Amino acid sequence: MTADGGVEGALTLARRRLEASVAALEARLSQRAPADSLFSDDERERLEVELEGSRARERDLAAAASQASEALTRAIVDIRAALGTG
């Protein structure tokens, strides 16, 4: 065998080992339970309720931030007007 043949042989062996590993991994993944079965119906419902609550709080905070920004803008305009700089 030449040096090139040794390299090719090593690459072929490595490719075969990789293919065998990928096949084993795919077999294991196909045996895994779907993600939905990781949680019970009660847990899933609780998480959905918590998520919706978090989304509602996010909307409320965004609205409050917008109102605060508008109020600050008005205050800045009023202060500049009072100082005669705006």
N, C-alpha and C. Protein backbone atom coordinates (compact mmCIF):
# COMPACT_ATOMS: atom_id res chain seq x y z
N MET A 1 0.82 -1.18 0.00
CA MET A 1 0.00 0.00 0.00
C MET A 1 0.88 1.25 0.00
N THR A 2 0.46 2.25 -0.77
CA THR A 2 1.21 3.50 -0.80
C THR A 2 0.70 4.38 0.34
N ALA A 3 1.38 5.49 0.51
CA ALA A 3 0.95 6.44 1.54
C ALA A 3 -0.44 6.95 1.22
N ASP A 4 -0.70 7.19 -0.09
CA ASP A 4 -2.03 7.65 -0.48
C ASP A 4 -3.09 6.60 -0.19
N GLY A 5 -2.74 5.33 -0.45
CA GLY A 5 -3.69 4.25 -0.17
C GLY A 5 -4.00 4.16 1.31
N GLY A 6 -2.99 4.43 2.15
CA GLY A 6 -3.20 4.42 3.59
C GLY A 6 -4.14 5.52 4.03
N VAL A 7 -3.96 6.69 3.43
CA VAL A 7 -4.83 7.82 3.74
C VAL A 7 -6.24 7.52 3.27
N GLU A 8 -6.37 7.00 2.05
CA GLU A 8 -7.70 6.67 1.53
C GLU A 8 -8.37 5.61 2.38
N GLY A 9 -7.57 4.61 2.80
CA GLY A 9 -8.12 3.56 3.65
C GLY A 9 -8.60 4.12 4.98
N ALA A 10 -7.81 5.02 5.55
CA ALA A 10 -8.18 5.63 6.83
C ALA A 10 -9.44 6.48 6.67
N LEU A 11 -9.53 7.21 5.54
CA LEU A 11 -10.71 8.03 5.29
C LEU A 11 -11.94 7.16 5.09
N THR A 12 -11.78 6.05 4.38
CA THR A 12 -12.90 5.14 4.16
C THR A 12 -13.37 4.56 5.49
N LEU A 13 -12.43 4.15 6.32
CA LEU A 13 -12.77 3.61 7.63
C LEU A 13 -13.47 4.67 8.48
N ALA A 14 -12.95 5.90 8.46
CA ALA A 14 -13.56 6.98 9.23
C ALA A 14 -14.97 7.27 8.73
N ARG A 15 -15.16 7.26 7.40
CA ARG A 15 -16.49 7.50 6.82
C ARG A 15 -17.46 6.42 7.26
N ARG A 16 -17.02 5.17 7.24
CA ARG A 16 -17.89 4.06 7.64
C ARG A 16 -18.28 4.17 9.12
N ARG A 17 -17.29 4.54 9.94
CA ARG A 17 -17.58 4.70 11.36
C ARG A 17 -18.56 5.85 11.59
N LEU A 18 -18.38 6.93 10.85
CA LEU A 18 -19.30 8.07 10.96
C LEU A 18 -20.70 7.67 10.53
N GLU A 19 -20.81 6.97 9.42
CA GLU A 19 -22.12 6.52 8.94
C GLU A 19 -22.79 5.60 9.94
N ALA A 20 -22.01 4.72 10.56
CA ALA A 20 -22.58 3.81 11.57
C ALA A 20 -23.05 4.60 12.79
N SER A 21 -22.28 5.61 13.18
CA SER A 21 -22.67 6.44 14.32
C SER A 21 -23.94 7.23 14.03
N VAL A 22 -24.01 7.79 12.83
CA VAL A 22 -25.20 8.54 12.44
C VAL A 22 -26.42 7.62 12.40
N ALA A 23 -26.26 6.42 11.86
CA ALA A 23 -27.37 5.47 11.82
C ALA A 23 -27.82 5.10 13.23
N ALA A 24 -26.87 4.89 14.14
CA ALA A 24 -27.23 4.57 15.52
C ALA A 24 -27.95 5.74 16.19
N LEU A 25 -27.49 6.94 15.93
CA LEU A 25 -28.14 8.13 16.49
C LEU A 25 -29.56 8.28 15.95
N GLU A 26 -29.72 8.10 14.64
CA GLU A 26 -31.05 8.19 14.05
C GLU A 26 -31.98 7.14 14.63
N ALA A 27 -31.47 5.94 14.88
CA ALA A 27 -32.29 4.89 15.47
C ALA A 27 -32.73 5.28 16.88
N ARG A 28 -31.81 5.84 17.65
CA ARG A 28 -32.16 6.27 19.01
C ARG A 28 -33.18 7.39 18.98
N LEU A 29 -32.99 8.35 18.09
CA LEU A 29 -33.93 9.47 18.01
C LEU A 29 -35.32 9.01 17.60
N SER A 30 -35.39 8.02 16.74
CA SER A 30 -36.70 7.54 16.31
C SER A 30 -37.43 6.80 17.44
N GLN A 31 -36.70 6.34 18.44
CA GLN A 31 -37.30 5.65 19.57
C GLN A 31 -37.72 6.60 20.67
N ARG A 32 -37.25 7.82 20.62
CA ARG A 32 -37.59 8.80 21.66
C ARG A 32 -39.05 9.16 21.57
N ALA A 33 -39.60 9.50 22.73
CA ALA A 33 -40.99 9.95 22.78
C ALA A 33 -41.08 11.35 22.20
N PRO A 34 -42.18 11.66 21.56
CA PRO A 34 -42.34 13.03 21.05
C PRO A 34 -42.33 14.04 22.19
N ALA A 35 -42.00 15.26 21.88
CA ALA A 35 -41.89 16.31 22.89
C ALA A 35 -43.20 16.50 23.65
N ASP A 36 -44.32 16.31 22.97
CA ASP A 36 -45.61 16.51 23.63
C ASP A 36 -45.81 15.58 24.82
N SER A 37 -45.22 14.42 24.79
CA SER A 37 -45.42 13.47 25.87
C SER A 37 -44.49 13.74 27.05
N LEU A 38 -43.62 14.75 26.94
CA LEU A 38 -42.73 15.08 28.04
C LEU A 38 -43.49 15.70 29.20
N PHE A 39 -44.62 16.31 28.91
CA PHE A 39 -45.41 16.98 29.93
C PHE A 39 -46.80 16.36 29.99
N SER A 40 -47.33 16.30 31.19
CA SER A 40 -48.70 15.82 31.33
C SER A 40 -49.65 16.90 30.84
N ASP A 41 -50.90 16.53 30.65
CA ASP A 41 -51.89 17.51 30.20
C ASP A 41 -52.01 18.66 31.20
N ASP A 42 -51.97 18.34 32.50
CA ASP A 42 -52.07 19.38 33.52
C ASP A 42 -50.88 20.33 33.47
N GLU A 43 -49.68 19.76 33.29
CA GLU A 43 -48.48 20.59 33.20
C GLU A 43 -48.51 21.48 31.96
N ARG A 44 -48.93 20.91 30.85
CA ARG A 44 -49.02 21.67 29.61
C ARG A 44 -50.02 22.81 29.75
N GLU A 45 -51.16 22.53 30.39
CA GLU A 45 -52.18 23.56 30.58
C GLU A 45 -51.65 24.66 31.50
N ARG A 46 -50.96 24.27 32.58
CA ARG A 46 -50.39 25.25 33.50
C ARG A 46 -49.38 26.13 32.78
N LEU A 47 -48.53 25.51 31.96
CA LEU A 47 -47.52 26.28 31.22
C LEU A 47 -48.17 27.23 30.22
N GLU A 48 -49.24 26.80 29.58
CA GLU A 48 -49.95 27.67 28.63
C GLU A 48 -50.55 28.86 29.35
N VAL A 49 -51.12 28.63 30.54
CA VAL A 49 -51.70 29.72 31.32
C VAL A 49 -50.61 30.69 31.74
N GLU A 50 -49.48 30.16 32.20
CA GLU A 50 -48.36 31.02 32.60
C GLU A 50 -47.84 31.83 31.41
N LEU A 51 -47.75 31.20 30.26
CA LEU A 51 -47.27 31.89 29.07
C LEU A 51 -48.22 33.01 28.68
N GLU A 52 -49.51 32.74 28.69
CA GLU A 52 -50.47 33.77 28.34
C GLU A 52 -50.42 34.92 29.35
N GLY A 53 -50.24 34.59 30.62
CA GLY A 53 -50.10 35.64 31.65
C GLY A 53 -48.87 36.48 31.40
N SER A 54 -47.78 35.84 31.03
CA SER A 54 -46.54 36.57 30.73
C SER A 54 -46.72 37.48 29.52
N ARG A 55 -47.42 36.97 28.52
CA ARG A 55 -47.67 37.80 27.33
C ARG A 55 -48.55 39.00 27.67
N ALA A 56 -49.53 38.79 28.53
CA ALA A 56 -50.39 39.90 28.94
C ALA A 56 -49.59 40.94 29.71
N ARG A 57 -48.72 40.49 30.62
CA ARG A 57 -47.87 41.44 31.36
C ARG A 57 -46.94 42.19 30.41
N GLU A 58 -46.42 41.49 29.40
CA GLU A 58 -45.56 42.13 28.42
C GLU A 58 -46.31 43.24 27.69
N ARG A 59 -47.55 42.95 27.28
CA ARG A 59 -48.35 43.97 26.59
C ARG A 59 -48.62 45.16 27.51
N ASP A 60 -48.94 44.87 28.79
CA ASP A 60 -49.19 45.95 29.74
C ASP A 60 -47.95 46.80 29.95
N LEU A 61 -46.79 46.16 30.08
CA LEU A 61 -45.55 46.91 30.26
C LEU A 61 -45.20 47.74 29.04
N ALA A 62 -45.45 47.21 27.86
CA ALA A 62 -45.18 47.96 26.63
C ALA A 62 -46.08 49.19 26.56
N ALA A 63 -47.34 49.01 26.95
CA ALA A 63 -48.27 50.14 26.95
C ALA A 63 -47.84 51.19 27.98
N ALA A 64 -47.45 50.75 29.16
CA ALA A 64 -46.99 51.68 30.20
C ALA A 64 -45.73 52.41 29.75
N ALA A 65 -44.82 51.71 29.10
CA ALA A 65 -43.60 52.34 28.61
C ALA A 65 -43.92 53.40 27.56
N SER A 66 -44.86 53.10 26.70
CA SER A 66 -45.26 54.06 25.67
C SER A 66 -45.89 55.30 26.31
N GLN A 67 -46.75 55.08 27.30
CA GLN A 67 -47.38 56.21 27.99
C GLN A 67 -46.34 57.05 28.72
N ALA A 68 -45.38 56.39 29.36
CA ALA A 68 -44.33 57.12 30.07
C ALA A 68 -43.49 57.92 29.09
N SER A 69 -43.19 57.35 27.95
CA SER A 69 -42.40 58.06 26.95
C SER A 69 -43.14 59.30 26.46
N GLU A 70 -44.43 59.15 26.19
CA GLU A 70 -45.23 60.30 25.75
C GLU A 70 -45.28 61.37 26.83
N ALA A 71 -45.44 60.95 28.10
CA ALA A 71 -45.50 61.92 29.19
C ALA A 71 -44.16 62.64 29.34
N LEU A 72 -43.06 61.93 29.21
CA LEU A 72 -41.74 62.57 29.29
C LEU A 72 -41.53 63.55 28.14
N THR A 73 -41.97 63.18 26.97
CA THR A 73 -41.84 64.07 25.82
C THR A 73 -42.61 65.36 26.06
N ARG A 74 -43.85 65.22 26.56
CA ARG A 74 -44.64 66.41 26.88
C ARG A 74 -43.97 67.25 27.95
N ALA A 75 -43.43 66.61 28.98
CA ALA A 75 -42.76 67.34 30.06
C ALA A 75 -41.54 68.09 29.54
N ILE A 76 -40.79 67.47 28.67
CA ILE A 76 -39.61 68.13 28.10
C ILE A 76 -40.03 69.36 27.30
N VAL A 77 -41.08 69.21 26.51
CA VAL A 77 -41.59 70.35 25.72
C VAL A 77 -42.03 71.46 26.65
N ASP A 78 -42.76 71.12 27.72
CA ASP A 78 -43.23 72.13 28.68
C ASP A 78 -42.08 72.83 29.37
N ILE A 79 -41.07 72.07 29.78
CA ILE A 79 -39.91 72.66 30.48
C ILE A 79 -39.15 73.58 29.53
N ARG A 80 -38.95 73.12 28.29
CA ARG A 80 -38.24 73.98 27.33
C ARG A 80 -39.02 75.25 27.05
N ALA A 81 -40.35 75.14 26.99
CA ALA A 81 -41.18 76.32 26.75
C ALA A 81 -41.07 77.29 27.94
N ALA A 82 -41.08 76.72 29.13
CA ALA A 82 -40.98 77.56 30.33
C ALA A 82 -39.62 78.25 30.43
N LEU A 83 -38.59 77.58 29.96
CA LEU A 83 -37.26 78.16 29.99
C LEU A 83 -36.99 79.05 28.79
N GLY A 84 -37.89 78.99 27.81
CA GLY A 84 -37.72 79.79 26.61
C GLY A 84 -36.65 79.23 25.69
N THR A 85 -36.37 77.92 25.78
CA THR A 85 -35.34 77.33 24.93
C THR A 85 -35.91 76.42 23.86
N GLY A 86 -37.17 76.39 23.74
CA GLY A 86 -37.68 75.44 22.78
C GLY A 86 -38.86 75.94 22.10
